[in-house]
Amino acid sequence: MAKNNLQLSGNQDKFLKIRNVLNIIFMAGAIMGILLYFYTDRTVGTITILAAMVFKMIESILRFFH
């Protein structure tokens, strides 16, 4: 019997929760970085956006290796 793609096993469900948290951190960091970039120091905004991108890269790696 083929397993439905919407059904997740326990291991995949753990990765999904971790990936969702990493995505939330990325989105919050990116928004903060954009606000800092336009309203304060551009260097601090750029560093904040780059730091947020690290979380997105980690999420992408988890997606590829699951």
PDB file of N, CA and C in Angstrom:
ATOM      1  N   MET A   1       0.842  -1.183   0.000  1.00  0.00           N
ATOM      2  CA  MET A   1       0.000   0.000   0.000  1.00  0.00           C
ATOM      3  C   MET A   1       0.886   1.244   0.000  1.00  0.00           C
ATOM      4  N   ALA A   2       0.644   2.138  -0.920  1.00  0.00           N
ATOM      5  CA  ALA A   2       1.453   3.354  -1.032  1.00  0.00           C
ATOM      6  C   ALA A   2       1.107   4.319   0.090  1.00  0.00           C
ATOM      7  N   LYS A   3       2.129   4.940   0.616  1.00  0.00           N
ATOM      8  CA  LYS A   3       1.932   5.907   1.692  1.00  0.00           C
ATOM      9  C   LYS A   3       1.578   7.267   1.098  1.00  0.00           C
ATOM     10  N   ASN A   4       0.591   7.898   1.648  1.00  0.00           N
ATOM     11  CA  ASN A   4       0.175   9.220   1.191  1.00  0.00           C
ATOM     12  C   ASN A   4       1.274  10.233   1.496  1.00  0.00           C
ATOM     13  N   ASN A   5       1.529  11.161   0.568  1.00  0.00           N
ATOM     14  CA  ASN A   5       2.581  12.159   0.768  1.00  0.00           C
ATOM     15  C   ASN A   5       2.272  13.094   1.928  1.00  0.00           C
ATOM     16  N   LEU A   6       1.001  13.257   2.265  1.00  0.00           N
ATOM     17  CA  LEU A   6       0.636  14.156   3.361  1.00  0.00           C
ATOM     18  C   LEU A   6       0.862  13.525   4.728  1.00  0.00           C
ATOM     19  N   GLN A   7       0.957  12.190   4.786  1.00  0.00           N
ATOM     20  CA  GLN A   7       1.208  11.530   6.055  1.00  0.00           C
ATOM     21  C   GLN A   7       2.689  11.564   6.354  1.00  0.00           C
ATOM     22  N   LEU A   8       3.035  11.938   7.594  1.00  0.00           N
ATOM     23  CA  LEU A   8       4.436  12.054   7.966  1.00  0.00           C
ATOM     24  C   LEU A   8       4.764  11.041   9.047  1.00  0.00           C
ATOM     25  N   SER A   9       5.936  10.438   8.940  1.00  0.00           N
ATOM     26  CA  SER A   9       6.385   9.559  10.011  1.00  0.00           C
ATOM     27  C   SER A   9       6.924  10.411  11.154  1.00  0.00           C
ATOM     28  N   GLY A  10       7.253   9.795  12.279  1.00  0.00           N
ATOM     29  CA  GLY A  10       7.740  10.530  13.446  1.00  0.00           C
ATOM     30  C   GLY A  10       9.009  11.308  13.160  1.00  0.00           C
ATOM     31  N   ASN A  11       9.960  10.718  12.444  1.00  0.00           N
ATOM     32  CA  ASN A  11      11.231  11.370  12.151  1.00  0.00           C
ATOM     33  C   ASN A  11      11.034  12.582  11.243  1.00  0.00           C
ATOM     34  N   GLN A  12      10.202  12.445  10.214  1.00  0.00           N
ATOM     35  CA  GLN A  12       9.959  13.556   9.302  1.00  0.00           C
ATOM     36  C   GLN A  12       9.210  14.670  10.010  1.00  0.00           C
ATOM     37  N   ASP A  13       8.320  14.309  10.937  1.00  0.00           N
ATOM     38  CA  ASP A  13       7.568  15.316  11.668  1.00  0.00           C
ATOM     39  C   ASP A  13       8.500  16.163  12.528  1.00  0.00           C
ATOM     40  N   LYS A  14       9.538  15.557  13.125  1.00  0.00           N
ATOM     41  CA  LYS A  14      10.520  16.321  13.905  1.00  0.00           C
ATOM     42  C   LYS A  14      11.240  17.332  13.016  1.00  0.00           C
ATOM     43  N   PHE A  15      11.645  16.897  11.830  1.00  0.00           N
ATOM     44  CA  PHE A  15      12.314  17.812  10.912  1.00  0.00           C
ATOM     45  C   PHE A  15      11.384  18.934  10.490  1.00  0.00           C
ATOM     46  N   LEU A  16      10.116  18.639  10.312  1.00  0.00           N
ATOM     47  CA  LEU A  16       9.160  19.664   9.893  1.00  0.00           C
ATOM     48  C   LEU A  16       9.045  20.743  10.955  1.00  0.00           C
ATOM     49  N   LYS A  17       8.975  20.363  12.205  1.00  0.00           N
ATOM     50  CA  LYS A  17       8.879  21.345  13.290  1.00  0.00           C
ATOM     51  C   LYS A  17      10.140  22.205  13.366  1.00  0.00           C
ATOM     52  N   ILE A  18      11.295  21.566  13.250  1.00  0.00           N
ATOM     53  CA  ILE A  18      12.566  22.301  13.293  1.00  0.00           C
ATOM     54  C   ILE A  18      12.658  23.255  12.101  1.00  0.00           C
ATOM     55  N   ARG A  19      12.256  22.765  10.919  1.00  0.00           N
ATOM     56  CA  ARG A  19      12.299  23.613   9.721  1.00  0.00           C
ATOM     57  C   ARG A  19      11.368  24.802   9.846  1.00  0.00           C
ATOM     58  N   ASN A  20      10.190  24.590  10.428  1.00  0.00           N
ATOM     59  CA  ASN A  20       9.261  25.705  10.609  1.00  0.00           C
ATOM     60  C   ASN A  20       9.832  26.759  11.551  1.00  0.00           C
ATOM     61  N   VAL A  21      10.470  26.325  12.633  1.00  0.00           N
ATOM     62  CA  VAL A  21      11.082  27.271  13.571  1.00  0.00           C
ATOM     63  C   VAL A  21      12.214  28.033  12.889  1.00  0.00           C
ATOM     64  N   LEU A  22      13.032  27.333  12.121  1.00  0.00           N
ATOM     65  CA  LEU A  22      14.120  27.994  11.402  1.00  0.00           C
ATOM     66  C   LEU A  22      13.581  28.999  10.385  1.00  0.00           C
ATOM     67  N   ASN A  23      12.475  28.673   9.725  1.00  0.00           N
ATOM     68  CA  ASN A  23      11.866  29.612   8.772  1.00  0.00           C
ATOM     69  C   ASN A  23      11.329  30.848   9.475  1.00  0.00           C
ATOM     70  N   ILE A  24      10.727  30.670  10.648  1.00  0.00           N
ATOM     71  CA  ILE A  24      10.217  31.816  11.408  1.00  0.00           C
ATOM     72  C   ILE A  24      11.369  32.721  11.826  1.00  0.00           C
ATOM     73  N   ILE A  25      12.473  32.121  12.291  1.00  0.00           N
ATOM     74  CA  ILE A  25      13.644  32.912  12.676  1.00  0.00           C
ATOM     75  C   ILE A  25      14.193  33.662  11.469  1.00  0.00           C
ATOM     76  N   PHE A  26      14.239  32.985  10.318  1.00  0.00           N
ATOM     77  CA  PHE A  26      14.729  33.626   9.097  1.00  0.00           C
ATOM     78  C   PHE A  26      13.850  34.814   8.713  1.00  0.00           C
ATOM     79  N   MET A  27      12.536  34.611   8.709  1.00  0.00           N
ATOM     80  CA  MET A  27      11.633  35.691   8.301  1.00  0.00           C
ATOM     81  C   MET A  27      11.712  36.885   9.246  1.00  0.00           C
ATOM     82  N   ALA A  28      11.765  36.617  10.553  1.00  0.00           N
ATOM     83  CA  ALA A  28      11.870  37.714  11.524  1.00  0.00           C
ATOM     84  C   ALA A  28      13.203  38.446  11.354  1.00  0.00           C
ATOM     85  N   GLY A  29      14.278  37.700  11.164  1.00  0.00           N
ATOM     86  CA  GLY A  29      15.586  38.317  10.970  1.00  0.00           C
ATOM     87  C   GLY A  29      15.669  39.126   9.690  1.00  0.00           C
ATOM     88  N   ALA A  30      15.056  38.612   8.626  1.00  0.00           N
ATOM     89  CA  ALA A  30      15.080  39.334   7.353  1.00  0.00           C
ATOM     90  C   ALA A  30      14.293  40.647   7.460  1.00  0.00           C
ATOM     91  N   ILE A  31      13.135  40.595   8.098  1.00  0.00           N
ATOM     92  CA  ILE A  31      12.346  41.821   8.272  1.00  0.00           C
ATOM     93  C   ILE A  31      13.094  42.826   9.139  1.00  0.00           C
ATOM     94  N   MET A  32      13.682  42.338  10.237  1.00  0.00           N
ATOM     95  CA  MET A  32      14.473  43.232  11.091  1.00  0.00           C
ATOM     96  C   MET A  32      15.640  43.830  10.320  1.00  0.00           C
ATOM     97  N   GLY A  33      16.310  43.001   9.524  1.00  0.00           N
ATOM     98  CA  GLY A  33      17.441  43.475   8.737  1.00  0.00           C
ATOM     99  C   GLY A  33      17.054  44.538   7.731  1.00  0.00           C
ATOM    100  N   ILE A  34      15.912  44.340   7.076  1.00  0.00           N
ATOM    101  CA  ILE A  34      15.444  45.345   6.112  1.00  0.00           C
ATOM    102  C   ILE A  34      15.133  46.659   6.823  1.00  0.00           C
ATOM    103  N   LEU A  35      14.460  46.572   7.967  1.00  0.00           N
ATOM    104  CA  LEU A  35      14.147  47.788   8.719  1.00  0.00           C
ATOM    105  C   LEU A  35      15.416  48.494   9.188  1.00  0.00           C
ATOM    106  N   LEU A  36      16.376  47.716   9.685  1.00  0.00           N
ATOM    107  CA  LEU A  36      17.641  48.315  10.109  1.00  0.00           C
ATOM    108  C   LEU A  36      18.381  48.937   8.926  1.00  0.00           C
ATOM    109  N   TYR A  37      18.346  48.253   7.789  1.00  0.00           N
ATOM    110  CA  TYR A  37      19.045  48.734   6.603  1.00  0.00           C
ATOM    111  C   TYR A  37      18.518  50.097   6.153  1.00  0.00           C
ATOM    112  N   PHE A  38      17.201  50.252   6.152  1.00  0.00           N
ATOM    113  CA  PHE A  38      16.615  51.487   5.636  1.00  0.00           C
ATOM    114  C   PHE A  38      16.498  52.603   6.670  1.00  0.00           C
ATOM    115  N   TYR A  39      16.377  52.242   7.941  1.00  0.00           N
ATOM    116  CA  TYR A  39      16.114  53.276   8.950  1.00  0.00           C
ATOM    117  C   TYR A  39      17.285  53.568   9.877  1.00  0.00           C
ATOM    118  N   THR A  40      18.310  52.732   9.896  1.00  0.00           N
ATOM    119  CA  THR A  40      19.495  53.005  10.722  1.00  0.00           C
ATOM    120  C   THR A  40      20.738  52.777   9.879  1.00  0.00           C
ATOM    121  N   ASP A  41      21.694  52.117  10.441  1.00  0.00           N
ATOM    122  CA  ASP A  41      22.974  51.865   9.786  1.00  0.00           C
ATOM    123  C   ASP A  41      22.840  50.741   8.751  1.00  0.00           C
ATOM    124  N   ARG A  42      23.271  50.991   7.531  1.00  0.00           N
ATOM    125  CA  ARG A  42      23.174  49.984   6.474  1.00  0.00           C
ATOM    126  C   ARG A  42      24.057  48.773   6.744  1.00  0.00           C
ATOM    127  N   THR A  43      25.200  48.989   7.376  1.00  0.00           N
ATOM    128  CA  THR A  43      26.091  47.874   7.676  1.00  0.00           C
ATOM    129  C   THR A  43      25.439  46.908   8.660  1.00  0.00           C
ATOM    130  N   VAL A  44      24.819  47.417   9.694  1.00  0.00           N
ATOM    131  CA  VAL A  44      24.145  46.567  10.684  1.00  0.00           C
ATOM    132  C   VAL A  44      22.986  45.822  10.021  1.00  0.00           C
ATOM    133  N   GLY A  45      22.249  46.496   9.151  1.00  0.00           N
ATOM    134  CA  GLY A  45      21.153  45.847   8.431  1.00  0.00           C
ATOM    135  C   GLY A  45      21.638  44.724   7.541  1.00  0.00           C
ATOM    136  N   THR A  46      22.739  44.958   6.853  1.00  0.00           N
ATOM    137  CA  THR A  46      23.306  43.931   5.982  1.00  0.00           C
ATOM    138  C   THR A  46      23.760  42.721   6.784  1.00  0.00           C
ATOM    139  N   ILE A  47      24.428  42.948   7.898  1.00  0.00           N
ATOM    140  CA  ILE A  47      24.893  41.847   8.744  1.00  0.00           C
ATOM    141  C   ILE A  47      23.712  41.068   9.300  1.00  0.00           C
ATOM    142  N   THR A  48      22.644  41.771   9.680  1.00  0.00           N
ATOM    143  CA  THR A  48      21.452  41.097  10.209  1.00  0.00           C
ATOM    144  C   THR A  48      20.806  40.216   9.140  1.00  0.00           C
ATOM    145  N   ILE A  49      20.722  40.718   7.925  1.00  0.00           N
ATOM    146  CA  ILE A  49      20.154  39.921   6.832  1.00  0.00           C
ATOM    147  C   ILE A  49      21.020  38.702   6.543  1.00  0.00           C
ATOM    148  N   LEU A  50      22.318  38.869   6.540  1.00  0.00           N
ATOM    149  CA  LEU A  50      23.221  37.734   6.304  1.00  0.00           C
ATOM    150  C   LEU A  50      23.112  36.695   7.413  1.00  0.00           C
ATOM    151  N   ALA A  51      22.968  37.151   8.649  1.00  0.00           N
ATOM    152  CA  ALA A  51      22.796  36.214   9.765  1.00  0.00           C
ATOM    153  C   ALA A  51      21.482  35.454   9.621  1.00  0.00           C
ATOM    154  N   ALA A  52      20.427  36.122   9.170  1.00  0.00           N
ATOM    155  CA  ALA A  52      19.144  35.449   8.952  1.00  0.00           C
ATOM    156  C   ALA A  52      19.261  34.416   7.838  1.00  0.00           C
ATOM    157  N   MET A  53      20.068  34.711   6.834  1.00  0.00           N
ATOM    158  CA  MET A  53      20.246  33.778   5.721  1.00  0.00           C
ATOM    159  C   MET A  53      20.907  32.481   6.167  1.00  0.00           C
ATOM    160  N   VAL A  54      21.713  32.533   7.210  1.00  0.00           N
ATOM    161  CA  VAL A  54      22.333  31.311   7.743  1.00  0.00           C
ATOM    162  C   VAL A  54      21.243  30.345   8.207  1.00  0.00           C
ATOM    163  N   PHE A  55      20.211  30.865   8.865  1.00  0.00           N
ATOM    164  CA  PHE A  55      19.112  30.012   9.318  1.00  0.00           C
ATOM    165  C   PHE A  55      18.367  29.403   8.128  1.00  0.00           C
ATOM    166  N   LYS A  56      18.220  30.159   7.053  1.00  0.00           N
ATOM    167  CA  LYS A  56      17.561  29.630   5.856  1.00  0.00           C
ATOM    168  C   LYS A  56      18.404  28.545   5.211  1.00  0.00           C
ATOM    169  N   MET A  57      19.719  28.715   5.205  1.00  0.00           N
ATOM    170  CA  MET A  57      20.600  27.690   4.649  1.00  0.00           C
ATOM    171  C   MET A  57      20.512  26.398   5.453  1.00  0.00           C
ATOM    172  N   ILE A  58      20.470  26.514   6.769  1.00  0.00           N
ATOM    173  CA  ILE A  58      20.336  25.331   7.627  1.00  0.00           C
ATOM    174  C   ILE A  58      19.015  24.624   7.337  1.00  0.00           C
ATOM    175  N   GLU A  59      17.939  25.390   7.183  1.00  0.00           N
ATOM    176  CA  GLU A  59      16.632  24.809   6.869  1.00  0.00           C
ATOM    177  C   GLU A  59      16.677  24.094   5.527  1.00  0.00           C
ATOM    178  N   SER A  60      17.330  24.685   4.552  1.00  0.00           N
ATOM    179  CA  SER A  60      17.428  24.064   3.226  1.00  0.00           C
ATOM    180  C   SER A  60      18.220  22.769   3.278  1.00  0.00           C
ATOM    181  N   ILE A  61      19.286  22.745   4.041  1.00  0.00           N
ATOM    182  CA  ILE A  61      20.088  21.529   4.190  1.00  0.00           C
ATOM    183  C   ILE A  61      19.256  20.421   4.828  1.00  0.00           C
ATOM    184  N   LEU A  62      18.471  20.759   5.848  1.00  0.00           N
ATOM    185  CA  LEU A  62      17.601  19.760   6.467  1.00  0.00           C
ATOM    186  C   LEU A  62      16.573  19.233   5.467  1.00  0.00           C
ATOM    187  N   ARG A  63      16.067  20.099   4.609  1.00  0.00           N
ATOM    188  CA  ARG A  63      15.085  19.680   3.615  1.00  0.00           C
ATOM    189  C   ARG A  63      15.719  18.718   2.611  1.00  0.00           C
ATOM    190  N   PHE A  64      16.953  18.981   2.189  1.00  0.00           N
ATOM    191  CA  PHE A  64      17.600  18.126   1.207  1.00  0.00           C
ATOM    192  C   PHE A  64      18.010  16.768   1.785  1.00  0.00           C
ATOM    193  N   PHE A  65      18.368  16.716   3.051  1.00  0.00           N
ATOM    194  CA  PHE A  65      18.866  15.481   3.641  1.00  0.00           C
ATOM    195  C   PHE A  65      17.809  14.652   4.350  1.00  0.00           C
ATOM    196  N   HIS A  66      16.552  15.069   4.313  1.00  0.00           N
ATOM    197  CA  HIS A  66      15.548  14.273   5.014  1.00  0.00           C
ATOM    198  C   HIS A  66      15.151  13.048   4.257  1.00  0.00           C
TER     199      HIS A  66
END
